[in-house]
Amino acid sequence: MDPKVCHGKPVIRGTRLSVSIVVGSLAGGMTFEDVQREYGISLEDIRAALKFAGELVKQEQHHPLPA
């Protein structure tokens, strides 16, 4: 992640396309093929975005609030 590119948000390598756009597009119902065509990225790029998002979720910490 480069703070000079898209305000430091994670992007697909060599593009300014954010991981959140890719994941959000898939969650919104677009197919892998739709995303490839719409954004001009490869299947490998899409898989890398999903892997990155999955790793973030694994690292997320949860802090229960007192009752």
PDB file of N, CA and C in Angstrom:
ATOM      1  N   MET A   1       0.842  -1.168   0.000  1.00  0.00           N
ATOM      2  CA  MET A   1       0.000   0.000   0.000  1.00  0.00           C
ATOM      3  C   MET A   1       0.892   1.237   0.000  1.00  0.00           C
ATOM      4  N   ASP A   2       0.550   2.157  -0.838  1.00  0.00           N
ATOM      5  CA  ASP A   2       1.323   3.386  -0.993  1.00  0.00           C
ATOM      6  C   ASP A   2       0.436   4.563  -0.596  1.00  0.00           C
ATOM      7  N   PRO A   3       0.849   5.333   0.408  1.00  0.00           N
ATOM      8  CA  PRO A   3       0.012   6.457   0.836  1.00  0.00           C
ATOM      9  C   PRO A   3      -0.228   7.489  -0.260  1.00  0.00           C
ATOM     10  N   LYS A   4       0.588   7.455  -1.318  1.00  0.00           N
ATOM     11  CA  LYS A   4       0.430   8.408  -2.418  1.00  0.00           C
ATOM     12  C   LYS A   4      -0.579   7.921  -3.462  1.00  0.00           C
ATOM     13  N   VAL A   5      -1.012   6.664  -3.347  1.00  0.00           N
ATOM     14  CA  VAL A   5      -1.966   6.099  -4.303  1.00  0.00           C
ATOM     15  C   VAL A   5      -3.277   5.822  -3.575  1.00  0.00           C
ATOM     16  N   CYS A   6      -4.335   6.454  -4.014  1.00  0.00           N
ATOM     17  CA  CYS A   6      -5.685   6.251  -3.457  1.00  0.00           C
ATOM     18  C   CYS A   6      -5.702   6.390  -1.938  1.00  0.00           C
ATOM     19  N   HIS A   7      -5.003   7.387  -1.436  1.00  0.00           N
ATOM     20  CA  HIS A   7      -4.985   7.687   0.004  1.00  0.00           C
ATOM     21  C   HIS A   7      -4.524   6.508   0.851  1.00  0.00           C
ATOM     22  N   GLY A   8      -3.657   5.663   0.285  1.00  0.00           N
ATOM     23  CA  GLY A   8      -3.112   4.535   1.037  1.00  0.00           C
ATOM     24  C   GLY A   8      -4.007   3.314   1.107  1.00  0.00           C
ATOM     25  N   LYS A   9      -5.149   3.356   0.433  1.00  0.00           N
ATOM     26  CA  LYS A   9      -6.040   2.195   0.429  1.00  0.00           C
ATOM     27  C   LYS A   9      -5.403   1.087  -0.411  1.00  0.00           C
ATOM     28  N   PRO A  10      -5.666  -0.176  -0.060  1.00  0.00           N
ATOM     29  CA  PRO A  10      -5.115  -1.271  -0.861  1.00  0.00           C
ATOM     30  C   PRO A  10      -5.735  -1.283  -2.257  1.00  0.00           C
ATOM     31  N   VAL A  11      -4.869  -1.394  -3.263  1.00  0.00           N
ATOM     32  CA  VAL A  11      -5.306  -1.399  -4.662  1.00  0.00           C
ATOM     33  C   VAL A  11      -4.735  -2.615  -5.376  1.00  0.00           C
ATOM     34  N   ILE A  12      -5.318  -2.933  -6.519  1.00  0.00           N
ATOM     35  CA  ILE A  12      -4.795  -3.986  -7.376  1.00  0.00           C
ATOM     36  C   ILE A  12      -3.474  -3.491  -7.953  1.00  0.00           C
ATOM     37  N   ARG A  13      -2.452  -4.316  -7.848  1.00  0.00           N
ATOM     38  CA  ARG A  13      -1.112  -3.933  -8.304  1.00  0.00           C
ATOM     39  C   ARG A  13      -1.148  -3.390  -9.734  1.00  0.00           C
ATOM     40  N   GLY A  14      -0.496  -2.255  -9.923  1.00  0.00           N
ATOM     41  CA  GLY A  14      -0.397  -1.645 -11.244  1.00  0.00           C
ATOM     42  C   GLY A  14      -1.628  -0.862 -11.663  1.00  0.00           C
ATOM     43  N   THR A  15      -2.584  -0.717 -10.740  1.00  0.00           N
ATOM     44  CA  THR A  15      -3.810   0.030 -11.054  1.00  0.00           C
ATOM     45  C   THR A  15      -4.123   0.983  -9.906  1.00  0.00           C
ATOM     46  N   ARG A  16      -5.180   1.735 -10.073  1.00  0.00           N
ATOM     47  CA  ARG A  16      -5.701   2.568  -8.991  1.00  0.00           C
ATOM     48  C   ARG A  16      -7.053   2.010  -8.524  1.00  0.00           C
ATOM     49  N   LEU A  17      -7.317   0.767  -8.876  1.00  0.00           N
ATOM     50  CA  LEU A  17      -8.567   0.098  -8.523  1.00  0.00           C
ATOM     51  C   LEU A  17      -8.445  -0.492  -7.121  1.00  0.00           C
ATOM     52  N   SER A  18      -9.325  -0.055  -6.223  1.00  0.00           N
ATOM     53  CA  SER A  18      -9.221  -0.512  -4.835  1.00  0.00           C
ATOM     54  C   SER A  18      -9.767  -1.927  -4.659  1.00  0.00           C
ATOM     55  N   VAL A  19      -9.176  -2.613  -3.693  1.00  0.00           N
ATOM     56  CA  VAL A  19      -9.636  -3.949  -3.327  1.00  0.00           C
ATOM     57  C   VAL A  19     -11.109  -3.889  -2.926  1.00  0.00           C
ATOM     58  N   SER A  20     -11.505  -2.831  -2.235  1.00  0.00           N
ATOM     59  CA  SER A  20     -12.901  -2.725  -1.787  1.00  0.00           C
ATOM     60  C   SER A  20     -13.875  -2.653  -2.961  1.00  0.00           C
ATOM     61  N   ILE A  21     -13.476  -2.037  -4.052  1.00  0.00           N
ATOM     62  CA  ILE A  21     -14.345  -1.983  -5.243  1.00  0.00           C
ATOM     63  C   ILE A  21     -14.522  -3.384  -5.815  1.00  0.00           C
ATOM     64  N   VAL A  22     -13.434  -4.137  -5.899  1.00  0.00           N
ATOM     65  CA  VAL A  22     -13.499  -5.498  -6.446  1.00  0.00           C
ATOM     66  C   VAL A  22     -14.388  -6.373  -5.563  1.00  0.00           C
ATOM     67  N   VAL A  23     -14.117  -6.379  -4.266  1.00  0.00           N
ATOM     68  CA  VAL A  23     -14.893  -7.210  -3.345  1.00  0.00           C
ATOM     69  C   VAL A  23     -16.356  -6.759  -3.319  1.00  0.00           C
ATOM     70  N   GLY A  24     -16.580  -5.466  -3.296  1.00  0.00           N
ATOM     71  CA  GLY A  24     -17.942  -4.945  -3.297  1.00  0.00           C
ATOM     72  C   GLY A  24     -18.705  -5.292  -4.563  1.00  0.00           C
ATOM     73  N   SER A  25     -18.020  -5.272  -5.686  1.00  0.00           N
ATOM     74  CA  SER A  25     -18.664  -5.634  -6.954  1.00  0.00           C
ATOM     75  C   SER A  25     -19.104  -7.091  -6.946  1.00  0.00           C
ATOM     76  N   LEU A  26     -18.235  -7.958  -6.435  1.00  0.00           N
ATOM     77  CA  LEU A  26     -18.594  -9.377  -6.341  1.00  0.00           C
ATOM     78  C   LEU A  26     -19.740  -9.577  -5.357  1.00  0.00           C
ATOM     79  N   ALA A  27     -19.680  -8.904  -4.225  1.00  0.00           N
ATOM     80  CA  ALA A  27     -20.748  -9.010  -3.224  1.00  0.00           C
ATOM     81  C   ALA A  27     -22.067  -8.479  -3.771  1.00  0.00           C
ATOM     82  N   GLY A  28     -21.980  -7.515  -4.677  1.00  0.00           N
ATOM     83  CA  GLY A  28     -23.172  -6.928  -5.278  1.00  0.00           C
ATOM     84  C   GLY A  28     -23.778  -7.759  -6.389  1.00  0.00           C
ATOM     85  N   GLY A  29     -23.148  -8.895  -6.700  1.00  0.00           N
ATOM     86  CA  GLY A  29     -23.733  -9.791  -7.685  1.00  0.00           C
ATOM     87  C   GLY A  29     -22.995  -9.915  -9.001  1.00  0.00           C
ATOM     88  N   MET A  30     -21.949  -9.126  -9.192  1.00  0.00           N
ATOM     89  CA  MET A  30     -21.184  -9.268 -10.430  1.00  0.00           C
ATOM     90  C   MET A  30     -20.429 -10.595 -10.402  1.00  0.00           C
ATOM     91  N   THR A  31     -20.267 -11.203 -11.562  1.00  0.00           N
ATOM     92  CA  THR A  31     -19.473 -12.426 -11.662  1.00  0.00           C
ATOM     93  C   THR A  31     -17.999 -12.052 -11.807  1.00  0.00           C
ATOM     94  N   PHE A  32     -17.142 -13.049 -11.656  1.00  0.00           N
ATOM     95  CA  PHE A  32     -15.720 -12.805 -11.871  1.00  0.00           C
ATOM     96  C   PHE A  32     -15.502 -12.249 -13.274  1.00  0.00           C
ATOM     97  N   GLU A  33     -16.202 -12.823 -14.244  1.00  0.00           N
ATOM     98  CA  GLU A  33     -16.061 -12.369 -15.630  1.00  0.00           C
ATOM     99  C   GLU A  33     -16.527 -10.927 -15.789  1.00  0.00           C
ATOM    100  N   ASP A  34     -17.626 -10.566 -15.132  1.00  0.00           N
ATOM    101  CA  ASP A  34     -18.119  -9.186 -15.174  1.00  0.00           C
ATOM    102  C   ASP A  34     -17.061  -8.225 -14.642  1.00  0.00           C
ATOM    103  N   VAL A  35     -16.464  -8.587 -13.504  1.00  0.00           N
ATOM    104  CA  VAL A  35     -15.459  -7.725 -12.878  1.00  0.00           C
ATOM    105  C   VAL A  35     -14.232  -7.605 -13.780  1.00  0.00           C
ATOM    106  N   GLN A  36     -13.802  -8.713 -14.359  1.00  0.00           N
ATOM    107  CA  GLN A  36     -12.658  -8.673 -15.281  1.00  0.00           C
ATOM    108  C   GLN A  36     -12.933  -7.709 -16.435  1.00  0.00           C
ATOM    109  N   ARG A  37     -14.094  -7.843 -17.020  1.00  0.00           N
ATOM    110  CA  ARG A  37     -14.452  -7.022 -18.178  1.00  0.00           C
ATOM    111  C   ARG A  37     -14.623  -5.550 -17.782  1.00  0.00           C
ATOM    112  N   GLU A  38     -15.318  -5.303 -16.681  1.00  0.00           N
ATOM    113  CA  GLU A  38     -15.615  -3.935 -16.249  1.00  0.00           C
ATOM    114  C   GLU A  38     -14.360  -3.153 -15.874  1.00  0.00           C
ATOM    115  N   TYR A  39     -13.428  -3.817 -15.188  1.00  0.00           N
ATOM    116  CA  TYR A  39     -12.272  -3.103 -14.648  1.00  0.00           C
ATOM    117  C   TYR A  39     -10.950  -3.440 -15.336  1.00  0.00           C
ATOM    118  N   GLY A  40     -10.976  -4.357 -16.293  1.00  0.00           N
ATOM    119  CA  GLY A  40      -9.761  -4.691 -17.032  1.00  0.00           C
ATOM    120  C   GLY A  40      -8.683  -5.348 -16.183  1.00  0.00           C
ATOM    121  N   ILE A  41      -9.110  -6.215 -15.264  1.00  0.00           N
ATOM    122  CA  ILE A  41      -8.149  -6.915 -14.412  1.00  0.00           C
ATOM    123  C   ILE A  41      -8.246  -8.416 -14.674  1.00  0.00           C
ATOM    124  N   SER A  42      -7.256  -9.147 -14.190  1.00  0.00           N
ATOM    125  CA  SER A  42      -7.214 -10.586 -14.430  1.00  0.00           C
ATOM    126  C   SER A  42      -7.911 -11.358 -13.318  1.00  0.00           C
ATOM    127  N   LEU A  43      -8.165 -12.623 -13.593  1.00  0.00           N
ATOM    128  CA  LEU A  43      -8.725 -13.512 -12.583  1.00  0.00           C
ATOM    129  C   LEU A  43      -7.769 -13.601 -11.391  1.00  0.00           C
ATOM    130  N   GLU A  44      -6.486 -13.618 -11.665  1.00  0.00           N
ATOM    131  CA  GLU A  44      -5.476 -13.633 -10.601  1.00  0.00           C
ATOM    132  C   GLU A  44      -5.593 -12.386  -9.719  1.00  0.00           C
ATOM    133  N   ASP A  45      -5.852 -11.232 -10.331  1.00  0.00           N
ATOM    134  CA  ASP A  45      -6.038  -9.989  -9.566  1.00  0.00           C
ATOM    135  C   ASP A  45      -7.246 -10.098  -8.632  1.00  0.00           C
ATOM    136  N   ILE A  46      -8.323 -10.653  -9.138  1.00  0.00           N
ATOM    137  CA  ILE A  46      -9.538 -10.801  -8.336  1.00  0.00           C
ATOM    138  C   ILE A  46      -9.274 -11.729  -7.158  1.00  0.00           C
ATOM    139  N   ARG A  47      -8.622 -12.834  -7.432  1.00  0.00           N
ATOM    140  CA  ARG A  47      -8.315 -13.784  -6.350  1.00  0.00           C
ATOM    141  C   ARG A  47      -7.397 -13.154  -5.309  1.00  0.00           C
ATOM    142  N   ALA A  48      -6.440 -12.356  -5.758  1.00  0.00           N
ATOM    143  CA  ALA A  48      -5.538 -11.674  -4.820  1.00  0.00           C
ATOM    144  C   ALA A  48      -6.319 -10.695  -3.941  1.00  0.00           C
ATOM    145  N   ALA A  49      -7.290  -9.996  -4.522  1.00  0.00           N
ATOM    146  CA  ALA A  49      -8.115  -9.059  -3.750  1.00  0.00           C
ATOM    147  C   ALA A  49      -8.926  -9.803  -2.694  1.00  0.00           C
ATOM    148  N   LEU A  50      -9.502 -10.934  -3.069  1.00  0.00           N
ATOM    149  CA  LEU A  50     -10.276 -11.725  -2.117  1.00  0.00           C
ATOM    150  C   LEU A  50      -9.389 -12.285  -1.009  1.00  0.00           C
ATOM    151  N   LYS A  51      -8.207 -12.729  -1.382  1.00  0.00           N
ATOM    152  CA  LYS A  51      -7.269 -13.252  -0.386  1.00  0.00           C
ATOM    153  C   LYS A  51      -6.879 -12.147   0.596  1.00  0.00           C
ATOM    154  N   PHE A  52      -6.591 -10.965   0.070  1.00  0.00           N
ATOM    155  CA  PHE A  52      -6.220  -9.829   0.916  1.00  0.00           C
ATOM    156  C   PHE A  52      -7.349  -9.500   1.892  1.00  0.00           C
ATOM    157  N   ALA A  53      -8.569  -9.439   1.379  1.00  0.00           N
ATOM    158  CA  ALA A  53      -9.720  -9.129   2.232  1.00  0.00           C
ATOM    159  C   ALA A  53      -9.902 -10.198   3.306  1.00  0.00           C
ATOM    160  N   GLY A  54      -9.714 -11.447   2.936  1.00  0.00           N
ATOM    161  CA  GLY A  54      -9.828 -12.535   3.901  1.00  0.00           C
ATOM    162  C   GLY A  54      -8.785 -12.436   4.997  1.00  0.00           C
ATOM    163  N   GLU A  55      -7.569 -12.060   4.630  1.00  0.00           N
ATOM    164  CA  GLU A  55      -6.502 -11.898   5.621  1.00  0.00           C
ATOM    165  C   GLU A  55      -6.826 -10.762   6.590  1.00  0.00           C
ATOM    166  N   LEU A  56      -7.414  -9.695   6.090  1.00  0.00           N
ATOM    167  CA  LEU A  56      -7.801  -8.589   6.971  1.00  0.00           C
ATOM    168  C   LEU A  56      -8.832  -9.030   7.998  1.00  0.00           C
ATOM    169  N   VAL A  57      -9.788  -9.821   7.559  1.00  0.00           N
ATOM    170  CA  VAL A  57     -10.828 -10.297   8.466  1.00  0.00           C
ATOM    171  C   VAL A  57     -10.216 -11.188   9.549  1.00  0.00           C
ATOM    172  N   LYS A  58      -9.260 -12.030   9.173  1.00  0.00           N
ATOM    173  CA  LYS A  58      -8.590 -12.895  10.155  1.00  0.00           C
ATOM    174  C   LYS A  58      -7.875 -12.079  11.223  1.00  0.00           C
ATOM    175  N   GLN A  59      -7.304 -10.955  10.831  1.00  0.00           N
ATOM    176  CA  GLN A  59      -6.517 -10.131  11.743  1.00  0.00           C
ATOM    177  C   GLN A  59      -7.382  -9.235  12.621  1.00  0.00           C
ATOM    178  N   GLU A  60      -8.642  -9.107  12.267  1.00  0.00           N
ATOM    179  CA  GLU A  60      -9.537  -8.210  12.985  1.00  0.00           C
ATOM    180  C   GLU A  60      -9.661  -8.638  14.445  1.00  0.00           C
ATOM    181  N   GLN A  61      -9.607  -7.682  15.335  1.00  0.00           N
ATOM    182  CA  GLN A  61      -9.748  -7.972  16.758  1.00  0.00           C
ATOM    183  C   GLN A  61     -11.118  -7.507  17.229  1.00  0.00           C
ATOM    184  N   HIS A  62     -11.720  -8.305  18.066  1.00  0.00           N
ATOM    185  CA  HIS A  62     -13.037  -7.976  18.611  1.00  0.00           C
ATOM    186  C   HIS A  62     -12.901  -7.730  20.104  1.00  0.00           C
ATOM    187  N   HIS A  63     -13.493  -6.672  20.561  1.00  0.00           N
ATOM    188  CA  HIS A  63     -13.448  -6.301  21.967  1.00  0.00           C
ATOM    189  C   HIS A  63     -14.880  -6.207  22.481  1.00  0.00           C
ATOM    190  N   PRO A  64     -15.285  -7.179  23.320  1.00  0.00           N
ATOM    191  CA  PRO A  64     -16.663  -7.132  23.833  1.00  0.00           C
ATOM    192  C   PRO A  64     -16.886  -5.912  24.720  1.00  0.00           C
ATOM    193  N   LEU A  65     -18.059  -5.360  24.611  1.00  0.00           N
ATOM    194  CA  LEU A  65     -18.428  -4.215  25.443  1.00  0.00           C
ATOM    195  C   LEU A  65     -19.014  -4.714  26.755  1.00  0.00           C
ATOM    196  N   PRO A  66     -18.738  -4.017  27.844  1.00  0.00           N
ATOM    197  CA  PRO A  66     -19.323  -4.444  29.120  1.00  0.00           C
ATOM    198  C   PRO A  66     -20.845  -4.291  29.093  1.00  0.00           C
ATOM    199  N   ALA A  67     -21.514  -5.191  29.797  1.00  0.00           N
ATOM    200  CA  ALA A  67     -22.985  -5.176  29.814  1.00  0.00           C
ATOM    201  C   ALA A  67     -23.519  -4.091  30.714  1.00  0.00           C
TER     202      ALA A  67
END
